[in-house]
Every structure is written in C-alpha cells, then in structure tokens.
N, C-alpha and C. Protein backbone atom coordinates (compact mmCIF):
# COMPACT_ATOMS: atom_id res chain seq x y z
N MET A 1 -66.25 -12.65 -7.28
CA MET A 1 -65.46 -11.51 -6.82
C MET A 1 -64.69 -10.91 -7.84
N ASN A 2 -64.25 -11.43 -8.66
CA ASN A 2 -63.24 -10.88 -10.10
C ASN A 2 -64.29 -10.01 -10.68
N GLU A 3 -65.37 -10.47 -11.08
CA GLU A 3 -66.45 -10.01 -11.68
C GLU A 3 -66.63 -8.52 -11.11
N PHE A 4 -66.92 -8.68 -9.86
CA PHE A 4 -67.29 -7.22 -9.15
C PHE A 4 -66.41 -6.34 -9.12
N THR A 5 -65.10 -6.80 -8.87
CA THR A 5 -63.97 -5.69 -9.09
C THR A 5 -63.89 -4.90 -10.45
N ARG A 6 -63.82 -5.62 -11.51
CA ARG A 6 -63.84 -5.25 -12.77
C ARG A 6 -64.68 -4.30 -13.08
N ARG A 7 -66.09 -4.88 -12.47
CA ARG A 7 -67.22 -3.75 -12.70
C ARG A 7 -67.04 -2.37 -12.08
N GLY A 8 -66.57 -2.25 -10.73
CA GLY A 8 -66.32 -1.55 -9.85
C GLY A 8 -65.07 -0.48 -10.55
N LEU A 9 -64.17 -1.30 -11.08
CA LEU A 9 -63.15 -0.07 -11.65
C LEU A 9 -63.86 0.56 -12.93
N ILE A 10 -64.85 -0.22 -13.43
CA ILE A 10 -65.34 0.17 -14.80
C ILE A 10 -65.81 1.60 -14.48
N PHE A 11 -66.95 1.08 -13.61
CA PHE A 11 -67.84 2.53 -13.26
C PHE A 11 -67.26 3.47 -12.40
N GLY A 12 -66.34 2.97 -11.32
CA GLY A 12 -65.22 4.43 -11.10
C GLY A 12 -64.82 4.96 -12.27
N ALA A 13 -64.11 4.61 -13.04
CA ALA A 13 -63.30 5.58 -14.10
C ALA A 13 -64.70 5.90 -15.00
N ALA A 14 -65.49 5.28 -15.24
CA ALA A 14 -66.39 5.93 -16.09
C ALA A 14 -67.36 7.23 -15.20
N THR A 15 -67.38 7.43 -14.25
CA THR A 15 -67.94 8.38 -13.32
C THR A 15 -66.83 9.16 -13.11
N ALA A 16 -65.53 9.12 -13.09
CA ALA A 16 -64.62 10.10 -12.99
C ALA A 16 -64.34 10.48 -14.63
N GLY A 17 -64.33 9.88 -15.27
CA GLY A 17 -64.58 10.42 -16.87
C GLY A 17 -65.56 11.67 -16.98
N ALA A 18 -66.50 11.17 -16.73
CA ALA A 18 -67.92 11.66 -16.77
C ALA A 18 -68.13 13.38 -15.86
N TYR A 19 -67.37 13.09 -14.78
CA TYR A 19 -66.87 14.33 -13.64
C TYR A 19 -66.17 15.29 -14.42
N GLY A 20 -64.90 14.98 -15.34
CA GLY A 20 -64.22 15.58 -15.80
C GLY A 20 -64.31 16.53 -16.68
N LEU A 21 -65.23 15.42 -17.76
CA LEU A 21 -66.44 16.26 -18.74
C LEU A 21 -67.47 17.26 -18.08
N LEU A 22 -68.17 17.15 -17.28
CA LEU A 22 -68.90 18.18 -16.74
C LEU A 22 -67.82 19.63 -16.35
N VAL A 23 -67.15 19.09 -15.37
CA VAL A 23 -66.53 20.20 -15.01
C VAL A 23 -65.63 21.10 -16.11
N GLY A 24 -65.28 20.52 -17.55
CA GLY A 24 -64.49 21.00 -18.54
C GLY A 24 -66.04 22.17 -19.16
N VAL A 25 -67.06 21.35 -19.05
CA VAL A 25 -68.16 21.80 -20.06
C VAL A 25 -68.61 23.20 -19.07
N GLU A 26 -68.88 22.60 -17.92
CA GLU A 26 -69.00 24.18 -16.72
C GLU A 26 -67.77 25.44 -16.89
N ARG A 27 -66.78 24.88 -17.08
CA ARG A 27 -65.63 26.18 -17.43
C ARG A 27 -65.81 26.80 -18.75
N VAL A 28 -66.41 26.25 -19.92
CA VAL A 28 -66.45 26.31 -21.32
C VAL A 28 -67.58 27.47 -21.02
N CYS A 29 -68.87 27.15 -20.55
CA CYS A 29 -69.98 27.92 -20.09
C CYS A 29 -69.79 28.96 -19.28
N LEU A 30 -68.99 29.10 -18.25
CA LEU A 30 -69.01 29.67 -17.69
C LEU A 30 -68.07 31.06 -18.28
N SER A 31 -67.09 30.59 -19.18
CA SER A 31 -66.57 31.61 -19.79
C SER A 31 -67.00 32.00 -21.10
N ALA A 32 -67.70 31.12 -21.76
CA ALA A 32 -68.53 31.88 -22.84
C ALA A 32 -70.06 32.63 -22.37
N PHE A 33 -70.48 32.52 -21.75
CA PHE A 33 -71.65 33.04 -21.36
C PHE A 33 -71.60 34.30 -19.94
N ALA A 34 -70.48 34.58 -19.59
CA ALA A 34 -70.21 35.41 -18.61
C ALA A 34 -70.44 36.98 -19.22
N ASP A 35 -71.09 37.83 -18.24
CA ASP A 35 -71.32 38.97 -18.53
C ASP A 35 -69.97 39.81 -18.76
N ASN A 36 -70.08 40.95 -19.03
CA ASN A 36 -69.12 41.77 -19.18
C ASN A 36 -68.07 42.29 -18.41
N SER A 37 -68.46 41.96 -17.25
CA SER A 37 -67.48 42.39 -15.98
C SER A 37 -66.85 41.27 -15.31
N ASP A 38 -65.76 40.78 -15.76
CA ASP A 38 -65.00 39.58 -14.88
C ASP A 38 -64.66 39.85 -13.59
N PRO A 39 -64.71 38.94 -12.92
CA PRO A 39 -64.45 39.37 -11.36
C PRO A 39 -63.17 38.74 -11.51
N GLU A 40 -61.98 39.55 -10.90
CA GLU A 40 -60.76 38.90 -10.96
C GLU A 40 -60.39 38.19 -9.79
N ASP A 41 -58.94 37.53 -10.08
CA ASP A 41 -58.75 36.58 -8.45
C ASP A 41 -58.23 37.66 -7.12
N ASP A 42 -57.76 38.63 -7.40
CA ASP A 42 -57.14 39.02 -6.37
C ASP A 42 -57.89 40.86 -6.51
N PRO A 43 -58.76 41.25 -5.59
CA PRO A 43 -59.26 42.84 -5.60
C PRO A 43 -58.06 43.82 -5.62
N GLY A 44 -57.07 43.38 -4.95
CA GLY A 44 -55.71 44.65 -4.88
C GLY A 44 -56.03 45.38 -3.56
N PRO A 45 -55.39 46.28 -3.36
CA PRO A 45 -54.43 46.92 -4.41
C PRO A 45 -53.17 45.97 -4.20
N ALA A 46 -52.24 46.21 -5.61
CA ALA A 46 -51.29 45.53 -5.65
C ALA A 46 -49.57 46.09 -5.23
N LYS A 47 -49.06 45.47 -4.63
CA LYS A 47 -47.74 46.13 -4.29
C LYS A 47 -46.35 45.70 -5.22
N ILE A 48 -45.95 46.27 -6.11
CA ILE A 48 -45.08 45.90 -7.45
C ILE A 48 -43.88 46.64 -6.93
N VAL A 49 -42.93 45.95 -7.65
CA VAL A 49 -41.57 46.86 -7.71
C VAL A 49 -41.52 47.31 -9.58
N LYS A 50 -41.40 48.67 -9.27
CA LYS A 50 -41.21 49.60 -10.59
C LYS A 50 -39.58 49.47 -11.49
N PHE A 51 -39.76 49.08 -12.59
CA PHE A 51 -38.67 49.48 -13.37
C PHE A 51 -38.60 50.11 -14.41
N ALA A 52 -37.49 50.93 -14.79
CA ALA A 52 -37.45 51.60 -15.77
C ALA A 52 -37.40 50.88 -17.19
N ASP A 53 -37.47 51.48 -18.25
CA ASP A 53 -37.57 50.65 -19.45
C ASP A 53 -35.73 49.99 -19.51
N ASP A 54 -34.71 50.72 -19.44
CA ASP A 54 -33.48 50.35 -18.79
C ASP A 54 -33.29 49.41 -17.97
N GLY A 55 -34.18 48.69 -17.31
CA GLY A 55 -34.13 47.39 -16.29
C GLY A 55 -33.56 48.15 -14.81
N ALA A 56 -33.42 49.44 -15.11
CA ALA A 56 -32.87 50.12 -13.36
C ALA A 56 -34.17 49.78 -12.56
N ARG A 57 -34.11 49.36 -11.15
CA ARG A 57 -35.20 49.41 -10.26
C ARG A 57 -35.45 51.03 -9.93
N LEU A 58 -36.86 51.38 -9.82
CA LEU A 58 -37.36 52.60 -9.15
C LEU A 58 -38.17 52.37 -7.67
N GLY A 59 -38.08 51.44 -7.02
CA GLY A 59 -38.77 51.32 -6.19
C GLY A 59 -39.74 50.25 -6.04
N ILE A 60 -40.64 50.35 -5.08
CA ILE A 60 -41.48 49.45 -4.66
C ILE A 60 -42.87 50.48 -4.50
N TYR A 61 -43.50 49.95 -5.23
CA TYR A 61 -45.32 50.88 -5.36
C TYR A 61 -46.21 50.23 -4.89
N THR A 62 -47.58 50.75 -3.95
CA THR A 62 -48.68 50.26 -3.75
C THR A 62 -49.40 50.52 -4.86
N LEU A 63 -50.26 50.10 -5.96
CA LEU A 63 -50.98 50.60 -6.89
C LEU A 63 -52.57 50.09 -7.05
N ALA A 64 -53.59 50.65 -7.54
CA ALA A 64 -54.81 49.77 -7.84
C ALA A 64 -54.36 48.89 -9.06
N LYS A 65 -55.05 48.12 -8.84
CA LYS A 65 -54.97 46.70 -9.53
C LYS A 65 -55.71 46.93 -11.18
N VAL A 66 -55.06 47.00 -12.24
CA VAL A 66 -55.60 47.29 -13.56
C VAL A 66 -56.84 46.53 -13.66
N ARG A 67 -58.07 46.96 -13.90
CA ARG A 67 -59.29 46.39 -14.66
C ARG A 67 -60.01 46.84 -15.52
N LYS A 68 -60.37 46.14 -16.47
CA LYS A 68 -60.90 46.10 -17.65
C LYS A 68 -61.86 45.12 -17.65
N ASN A 69 -63.12 45.54 -18.48
CA ASN A 69 -63.73 44.52 -18.84
C ASN A 69 -63.61 43.70 -20.01
N LYS A 70 -64.34 43.04 -20.60
CA LYS A 70 -64.00 41.93 -21.82
C LYS A 70 -63.84 42.70 -23.21
N SER A 71 -64.83 43.60 -23.27
CA SER A 71 -64.77 44.57 -24.24
C SER A 71 -63.20 45.48 -24.46
N GLU A 72 -63.39 46.18 -23.38
CA GLU A 72 -61.93 46.73 -23.17
C GLU A 72 -61.15 46.04 -23.44
N TRP A 73 -60.71 44.78 -23.08
CA TRP A 73 -59.66 44.01 -23.10
C TRP A 73 -59.84 43.74 -24.50
N LYS A 74 -60.55 43.14 -24.90
CA LYS A 74 -60.76 42.94 -26.44
C LYS A 74 -60.22 43.84 -27.75
N ASN A 75 -60.55 45.34 -27.38
CA ASN A 75 -60.07 46.08 -27.83
C ASN A 75 -58.55 46.43 -27.96
N GLN A 76 -58.16 46.39 -26.59
CA GLN A 76 -56.58 46.37 -26.54
C GLN A 76 -55.99 45.33 -26.94
N LEU A 77 -56.01 44.03 -26.94
CA LEU A 77 -55.46 42.99 -27.21
C LEU A 77 -55.79 42.47 -28.75
N THR A 78 -54.83 41.67 -29.33
CA THR A 78 -55.08 40.73 -30.30
C THR A 78 -55.43 39.86 -29.94
N PRO A 79 -56.44 38.94 -30.61
CA PRO A 79 -57.27 37.60 -30.28
C PRO A 79 -56.38 36.60 -29.74
N LEU A 80 -55.39 36.25 -29.82
CA LEU A 80 -54.53 35.53 -29.16
C LEU A 80 -54.16 36.24 -27.92
N GLU A 81 -53.39 37.23 -27.95
CA GLU A 81 -53.46 38.27 -26.76
C GLU A 81 -54.12 37.75 -25.46
N TYR A 82 -55.68 38.14 -25.93
CA TYR A 82 -56.69 38.15 -24.96
C TYR A 82 -56.99 36.40 -24.91
N ASP A 83 -57.05 35.33 -25.79
CA ASP A 83 -56.83 34.13 -25.24
C ASP A 83 -55.91 34.04 -24.35
N VAL A 84 -55.00 34.10 -24.26
CA VAL A 84 -53.89 33.89 -23.57
C VAL A 84 -53.78 34.28 -22.58
N THR A 85 -53.66 35.80 -22.29
CA THR A 85 -53.76 36.66 -20.98
C THR A 85 -55.06 36.49 -19.88
N ARG A 86 -56.34 36.57 -21.25
CA ARG A 86 -57.39 36.90 -19.98
C ARG A 86 -58.16 35.68 -20.40
N ARG A 87 -58.05 34.36 -20.77
CA ARG A 87 -58.58 33.27 -20.45
C ARG A 87 -57.74 32.29 -20.25
N ALA A 88 -56.44 32.29 -19.95
CA ALA A 88 -55.11 31.16 -19.72
C ALA A 88 -55.19 30.11 -20.71
N ALA A 89 -55.39 30.54 -22.18
CA ALA A 89 -54.82 29.67 -23.00
C ALA A 89 -53.26 29.57 -22.70
N THR A 90 -52.75 28.62 -23.91
CA THR A 90 -51.47 28.44 -24.56
C THR A 90 -50.82 28.58 -25.87
N GLU A 91 -50.26 29.58 -25.92
CA GLU A 91 -49.82 29.62 -27.61
C GLU A 91 -49.08 28.05 -27.92
N PHE A 92 -49.15 27.81 -29.01
CA PHE A 92 -48.32 26.52 -29.36
C PHE A 92 -47.10 26.74 -29.67
N ALA A 93 -46.26 25.53 -29.02
CA ALA A 93 -44.63 25.89 -28.85
C ALA A 93 -43.83 26.16 -29.98
N PHE A 94 -43.00 26.91 -29.73
CA PHE A 94 -41.76 27.44 -30.85
C PHE A 94 -43.19 28.59 -31.92
N SER A 95 -44.00 28.46 -32.06
CA SER A 95 -44.93 29.71 -32.68
C SER A 95 -44.87 31.04 -31.86
N GLY A 96 -44.15 31.29 -30.74
CA GLY A 96 -44.43 32.56 -30.34
C GLY A 96 -43.26 33.60 -30.77
N ALA A 97 -43.14 34.52 -31.11
CA ALA A 97 -42.38 35.50 -31.27
C ALA A 97 -40.72 35.67 -30.72
N LEU A 98 -40.95 35.55 -28.85
CA LEU A 98 -39.71 35.50 -27.98
C LEU A 98 -39.29 34.78 -27.73
N TYR A 99 -39.56 33.14 -27.86
CA TYR A 99 -39.00 31.96 -27.80
C TYR A 99 -37.79 31.80 -27.91
N ASP A 100 -37.21 32.55 -29.03
CA ASP A 100 -36.09 32.54 -29.59
C ASP A 100 -34.95 33.76 -29.48
N GLN A 101 -35.93 34.58 -28.54
CA GLN A 101 -35.28 35.63 -28.40
C GLN A 101 -33.94 35.96 -27.56
N HIS A 102 -32.77 36.53 -28.01
CA HIS A 102 -31.85 36.11 -27.01
C HIS A 102 -30.86 37.57 -26.61
N ALA A 103 -31.60 38.90 -27.23
CA ALA A 103 -31.13 40.30 -26.72
C ALA A 103 -31.37 40.85 -25.81
N PRO A 104 -30.51 41.69 -25.09
CA PRO A 104 -30.92 41.88 -23.64
C PRO A 104 -31.76 42.69 -24.04
N GLY A 105 -32.89 42.94 -22.86
CA GLY A 105 -33.83 43.66 -22.40
C GLY A 105 -34.91 43.73 -21.86
N LEU A 106 -35.65 43.71 -21.76
CA LEU A 106 -36.89 43.83 -20.39
C LEU A 106 -38.39 43.28 -20.75
N TYR A 107 -38.86 42.38 -20.01
CA TYR A 107 -39.84 41.62 -20.48
C TYR A 107 -41.05 42.15 -19.76
N ARG A 108 -42.12 43.05 -20.57
CA ARG A 108 -43.17 43.51 -19.65
C ARG A 108 -44.68 42.73 -19.93
N CYS A 109 -45.33 43.09 -18.73
CA CYS A 109 -46.95 42.61 -19.07
C CYS A 109 -47.64 43.18 -20.69
N ILE A 110 -47.83 42.29 -21.44
CA ILE A 110 -48.59 42.71 -22.99
C ILE A 110 -50.08 43.72 -22.26
N ASP A 111 -50.66 43.34 -21.21
CA ASP A 111 -51.92 43.72 -20.58
C ASP A 111 -51.88 45.35 -20.09
N CYS A 112 -50.62 45.61 -18.90
CA CYS A 112 -50.20 46.80 -18.66
C CYS A 112 -49.14 47.10 -18.02
N GLY A 113 -48.23 46.78 -18.74
CA GLY A 113 -46.68 47.26 -18.81
C GLY A 113 -46.13 47.02 -17.49
N ASN A 114 -46.69 45.98 -16.91
CA ASN A 114 -45.75 45.75 -15.59
C ASN A 114 -44.30 44.81 -15.82
N ALA A 115 -43.14 45.47 -15.40
CA ALA A 115 -42.20 44.48 -15.36
C ALA A 115 -42.07 43.26 -14.78
N LEU A 116 -41.88 42.18 -15.81
CA LEU A 116 -41.65 40.81 -15.25
C LEU A 116 -40.72 40.09 -15.46
N PHE A 117 -39.75 40.14 -16.46
CA PHE A 117 -38.70 39.19 -16.52
C PHE A 117 -37.89 40.30 -17.10
N ASP A 118 -35.95 39.98 -16.77
CA ASP A 118 -35.40 40.28 -17.27
C ASP A 118 -34.74 39.22 -18.47
N SER A 119 -34.00 39.88 -19.22
CA SER A 119 -33.18 38.93 -20.24
C SER A 119 -32.13 38.11 -19.44
N SER A 120 -31.75 38.74 -18.46
CA SER A 120 -30.49 38.03 -17.50
C SER A 120 -30.80 36.80 -17.29
N ALA A 121 -32.13 36.58 -16.89
CA ALA A 121 -32.52 34.94 -16.38
C ALA A 121 -33.42 34.37 -17.67
N LYS A 122 -32.79 34.89 -18.94
CA LYS A 122 -33.87 34.08 -19.74
C LYS A 122 -32.63 32.78 -20.13
N PHE A 123 -33.38 31.72 -20.27
CA PHE A 123 -32.52 30.69 -21.19
C PHE A 123 -33.21 29.97 -21.91
N ASP A 124 -32.67 29.07 -22.59
CA ASP A 124 -32.98 28.22 -23.69
C ASP A 124 -33.81 26.54 -22.78
N SER A 125 -34.78 26.79 -22.83
CA SER A 125 -35.45 25.45 -21.98
C SER A 125 -35.82 24.62 -23.43
N GLY A 126 -35.80 24.56 -24.45
CA GLY A 126 -35.92 23.48 -25.66
C GLY A 126 -37.34 23.50 -25.56
N THR A 127 -38.40 23.90 -24.83
CA THR A 127 -39.63 23.57 -24.97
C THR A 127 -40.67 24.40 -25.91
N GLY A 128 -40.01 25.45 -26.48
CA GLY A 128 -40.64 26.10 -27.48
C GLY A 128 -41.39 27.62 -26.48
N TRP A 129 -41.23 27.75 -25.47
CA TRP A 129 -41.68 28.89 -25.31
C TRP A 129 -40.33 30.01 -24.52
N PRO A 130 -41.01 31.01 -24.21
CA PRO A 130 -39.50 31.87 -23.45
C PRO A 130 -39.50 31.42 -21.97
N SER A 131 -38.65 30.85 -21.44
CA SER A 131 -38.19 30.54 -20.03
C SER A 131 -37.14 31.35 -18.94
N PHE A 132 -37.40 31.71 -18.00
CA PHE A 132 -36.44 32.53 -17.27
C PHE A 132 -36.51 31.52 -15.96
N TRP A 133 -35.41 31.58 -15.27
CA TRP A 133 -35.37 30.99 -14.15
C TRP A 133 -35.67 31.88 -12.64
N GLU A 134 -35.68 33.16 -13.22
CA GLU A 134 -36.44 33.89 -11.92
C GLU A 134 -37.01 35.06 -12.88
N ALA A 135 -38.25 35.60 -11.20
CA ALA A 135 -38.62 36.86 -11.92
C ALA A 135 -38.13 38.11 -11.80
N ILE A 136 -38.24 39.23 -12.48
CA ILE A 136 -37.94 40.59 -12.19
C ILE A 136 -37.91 40.93 -10.66
N ALA A 137 -38.82 40.64 -10.27
CA ALA A 137 -39.22 40.75 -8.64
C ALA A 137 -40.13 39.82 -8.30
N GLY A 138 -39.85 39.48 -7.14
CA GLY A 138 -40.91 38.66 -6.55
C GLY A 138 -42.23 39.32 -6.78
N GLU A 139 -42.66 40.32 -6.20
CA GLU A 139 -43.87 41.10 -6.04
C GLU A 139 -44.44 41.21 -7.27
N ASN A 140 -43.75 41.26 -8.48
CA ASN A 140 -44.53 41.71 -9.61
C ASN A 140 -45.17 40.68 -10.20
N VAL A 141 -44.89 39.02 -10.05
CA VAL A 141 -45.64 37.92 -10.43
C VAL A 141 -46.44 37.46 -9.10
N ARG A 142 -47.19 36.64 -9.27
CA ARG A 142 -47.79 35.74 -8.31
C ARG A 142 -48.30 34.56 -8.90
N GLU A 143 -48.26 33.89 -7.82
CA GLU A 143 -48.68 31.91 -8.25
C GLU A 143 -49.93 31.80 -7.93
N LYS A 144 -50.57 30.68 -8.72
CA LYS A 144 -51.84 30.00 -8.25
C LYS A 144 -51.96 28.75 -8.38
N LYS A 145 -52.39 27.84 -7.83
CA LYS A 145 -52.75 26.53 -7.52
C LYS A 145 -53.42 26.09 -9.17
N ASP A 146 -53.05 25.65 -10.03
CA ASP A 146 -53.64 25.26 -11.37
C ASP A 146 -54.15 23.67 -11.56
N PHE A 147 -55.11 23.58 -11.40
CA PHE A 147 -55.81 21.73 -11.96
C PHE A 147 -56.59 21.85 -13.09
N SER A 148 -56.49 22.99 -13.88
CA SER A 148 -57.11 22.76 -15.07
C SER A 148 -57.11 21.64 -16.40
N ALA A 149 -55.36 20.97 -16.34
CA ALA A 149 -55.15 20.69 -17.43
C ALA A 149 -55.28 18.71 -16.64
N GLY A 150 -55.76 18.61 -15.37
CA GLY A 150 -55.75 17.45 -14.88
C GLY A 150 -55.16 17.00 -14.07
N VAL A 151 -54.16 17.53 -13.99
CA VAL A 151 -52.74 17.71 -13.08
C VAL A 151 -52.14 18.82 -12.49
N LEU A 152 -51.94 19.06 -11.17
CA LEU A 152 -51.51 20.07 -10.39
C LEU A 152 -50.28 20.92 -10.68
N ARG A 153 -50.64 21.97 -11.26
CA ARG A 153 -49.61 23.02 -11.48
C ARG A 153 -49.44 24.01 -11.03
N THR A 154 -48.52 24.86 -11.16
CA THR A 154 -48.73 26.36 -10.63
C THR A 154 -48.51 27.29 -11.93
N GLU A 155 -49.72 28.02 -11.74
CA GLU A 155 -49.83 29.35 -12.78
C GLU A 155 -48.92 30.15 -12.31
N VAL A 156 -48.60 31.29 -13.33
CA VAL A 156 -48.10 32.47 -13.06
C VAL A 156 -48.68 33.65 -13.57
N LYS A 157 -49.36 34.43 -12.81
CA LYS A 157 -50.00 35.80 -12.99
C LYS A 157 -49.36 37.25 -12.80
N CYS A 158 -49.67 38.37 -13.69
CA CYS A 158 -48.96 39.37 -13.29
C CYS A 158 -49.98 39.90 -12.12
N THR A 159 -49.08 40.53 -10.99
CA THR A 159 -49.53 40.72 -9.87
C THR A 159 -50.49 42.23 -10.04
N LEU A 160 -50.08 42.85 -10.98
CA LEU A 160 -51.12 44.38 -11.61
C LEU A 160 -52.07 43.79 -12.05
N CYS A 161 -52.51 42.92 -12.84
CA CYS A 161 -53.77 43.12 -13.82
C CYS A 161 -54.19 41.80 -13.71
N ASP A 162 -53.62 40.78 -13.15
CA ASP A 162 -54.34 39.23 -13.29
C ASP A 162 -54.09 38.70 -14.73
N ALA A 163 -53.10 38.66 -15.41
CA ALA A 163 -52.76 38.31 -16.95
C ALA A 163 -52.33 36.87 -16.51
N HIS A 164 -52.80 36.04 -16.94
CA HIS A 164 -52.17 34.82 -17.20
C HIS A 164 -50.95 34.37 -18.06
N LEU A 165 -49.68 34.49 -17.32
CA LEU A 165 -48.55 34.49 -18.19
C LEU A 165 -47.81 32.89 -18.69
N GLY A 166 -48.16 31.92 -17.63
CA GLY A 166 -47.65 30.56 -18.04
C GLY A 166 -47.84 29.97 -16.73
N HIS A 167 -46.76 29.30 -16.52
CA HIS A 167 -46.49 28.43 -15.28
C HIS A 167 -45.22 28.05 -15.09
N VAL A 168 -45.31 27.75 -13.77
CA VAL A 168 -43.71 27.65 -12.98
C VAL A 168 -43.51 26.57 -12.69
N PHE A 169 -42.24 26.12 -13.06
CA PHE A 169 -41.83 24.39 -12.73
C PHE A 169 -40.56 24.39 -12.18
N THR A 170 -40.37 23.09 -11.49
CA THR A 170 -38.87 23.12 -10.59
C THR A 170 -38.05 22.49 -11.33
N ASP A 171 -38.05 22.40 -12.75
CA ASP A 171 -36.96 21.42 -13.64
C ASP A 171 -36.15 22.74 -14.23
N GLY A 172 -36.01 24.14 -13.66
CA GLY A 172 -34.91 24.89 -14.00
C GLY A 172 -33.33 24.93 -13.99
N PRO A 173 -32.36 25.41 -14.48
CA PRO A 173 -31.32 25.77 -14.10
C PRO A 173 -31.33 26.60 -12.52
N GLU A 174 -30.09 26.25 -12.44
CA GLU A 174 -29.06 26.68 -11.07
C GLU A 174 -29.28 28.20 -11.31
N PRO A 175 -29.26 29.53 -10.45
CA PRO A 175 -29.14 29.14 -9.06
C PRO A 175 -30.69 28.79 -8.43
N THR A 176 -31.96 28.89 -9.23
CA THR A 176 -33.49 28.94 -8.45
C THR A 176 -33.73 27.33 -9.06
N GLY A 177 -33.39 26.93 -9.80
CA GLY A 177 -33.85 25.71 -10.43
C GLY A 177 -35.46 25.64 -10.41
N LEU A 178 -35.77 27.11 -10.95
CA LEU A 178 -37.22 27.10 -11.34
C LEU A 178 -37.15 27.47 -12.94
N ARG A 179 -38.29 26.84 -13.49
CA ARG A 179 -38.55 27.64 -14.82
C ARG A 179 -39.75 28.00 -15.19
N TYR A 180 -39.91 29.45 -15.12
CA TYR A 180 -41.06 30.14 -15.57
C TYR A 180 -41.32 30.26 -17.01
N CYS A 181 -42.17 29.39 -17.55
CA CYS A 181 -42.62 28.93 -18.91
C CYS A 181 -43.78 29.72 -19.09
N THR A 182 -43.16 30.86 -20.05
CA THR A 182 -44.38 31.65 -20.43
C THR A 182 -44.48 31.86 -21.84
N ASN A 183 -45.65 32.43 -22.24
CA ASN A 183 -46.28 33.03 -23.59
C ASN A 183 -45.82 34.16 -23.81
N SER A 184 -45.18 34.07 -25.21
CA SER A 184 -44.86 34.99 -26.18
C SER A 184 -45.86 36.16 -25.91
N ALA A 185 -47.01 35.76 -26.12
CA ALA A 185 -48.27 36.82 -26.31
C ALA A 185 -48.69 37.42 -25.22
N ALA A 186 -48.12 37.07 -24.14
CA ALA A 186 -48.45 37.52 -22.59
C ALA A 186 -47.19 38.61 -22.27
N LEU A 187 -46.19 38.98 -23.16
CA LEU A 187 -44.93 39.60 -23.04
C LEU A 187 -45.11 40.62 -24.04
N ARG A 188 -44.31 41.69 -23.39
CA ARG A 188 -44.29 42.68 -24.31
C ARG A 188 -42.47 42.86 -24.35
N PHE A 189 -41.52 42.71 -25.62
CA PHE A 189 -39.68 42.83 -24.83
C PHE A 189 -39.35 44.01 -25.43
N LEU A 190 -38.69 44.92 -24.59
CA LEU A 190 -37.80 46.21 -24.97
C LEU A 190 -36.33 45.79 -24.85
N PRO A 191 -35.76 46.36 -26.00
CA PRO A 191 -34.55 45.70 -26.27
C PRO A 191 -33.48 46.69 -25.76
N ARG A 192 -32.72 46.71 -24.54
CA ARG A 192 -31.69 47.33 -24.02
C ARG A 192 -30.54 48.04 -24.84
N GLN A 193 -30.50 49.05 -24.72
CA GLN A 193 -29.68 49.55 -25.50
C GLN A 193 -28.06 49.22 -25.04
N GLN A 194 -27.47 49.09 -26.24
CA GLN A 194 -25.87 48.75 -25.71
C GLN A 194 -25.12 49.89 -25.44
N ALA A 195 -24.32 49.49 -24.24
CA ALA A 195 -23.01 50.98 -24.34
C ALA A 195 -22.45 51.22 -25.31
N LEU A 196 -21.99 52.26 -25.75
CA LEU A 196 -21.08 52.46 -26.89
C LEU A 196 -19.81 52.86 -26.15
C-alpha cells in the first residue's frame, strides 16, 4: 500500500509537471509563430475617462480600440516596451526609469496615451516597480485573471489598447488596500508644472 501511494504521488507530480511544460511550450509557440495580426482580448469600443496632461478630468468618452499589428507595434515601441506591453513580459525589479519617480504628474500608457495613474496615488512599495493604490479612473484600466506564472493573479491592462501594464494585489495601503504593480516600460510620465 505504501509503495502504491508513493508511485501514485510520483506519477501525479510528473504528469502535472509535463502538463505545465506543454502549456508553456504552447504559449511560446503561439507567440513566436502567430501571424502579423494578433487577436485582442476585447474588441471594443472602449469607454474611458479622458484627462488633460495637467490631470484635469475632461469627461467620459466612448472610443474605438487602438489596434495595430505586430509590425506596427514593433516600429512604435522599443524592444522592452514591446515585450512588456504586447507580450506581457516583466522588466527586472529596480531597473525601470519610473520606480523611484516622486515628482507630481500623470502616467499615461506608452502604447496609446490613455491616462492610467496620477502621482498622488503613487507609493513606495519596496518592490522595485512603480506602485499605485488606485488607477486614475476605473474605466481606464481593466483586470483579467492570469494563471501564467502557475499561480492565480490579476493582470492589469489598458482599456483602450489592451497593453499589459502589470498586476494588481491586495497588499497596498489605505484607502483602497490595493497595489497596482506596474512596469515602467508600460508608462509615459508627464511631469506636472508647479504653480508659482
């Protein structure tokens, strides 16, 4: 009986490991050999809140989703920006230009310019990635379940162009208790002019 249980455990673990490997290989192959027109998660249109560069709220707009093929995205973005926003990669901790940025300003999507975060919600999480306790508007980001790392996480994407931004966790500060852990490579920072 003991031998049977041990064999079952070993066989079960090997089967689970092989399945995980096959899923990983499938994702790499799909990504590497996909044609030039990627299907997106949400066909749109998208309802977002527009913001001026100074952070002033301009209103709610319904817009067509920003759609480009792989070649167009690659021409617009740096290799790191492309890998992060279009292929859901993660930059190395403490390597991004914005993790230690503390100036007042607005954070926009590097792919489409959609306003995502305001500096007033940024905090130092100690993780090495820009962290915010809320998005500038709930309409401007969307969440998606993500099991790519073998654990269930919540991916955060730009509503307007489906760019991967990072993940949201429930270990952030008050008042929301959230931590939007984002990649610097997914963001464009616009400093706010100080009033004289």
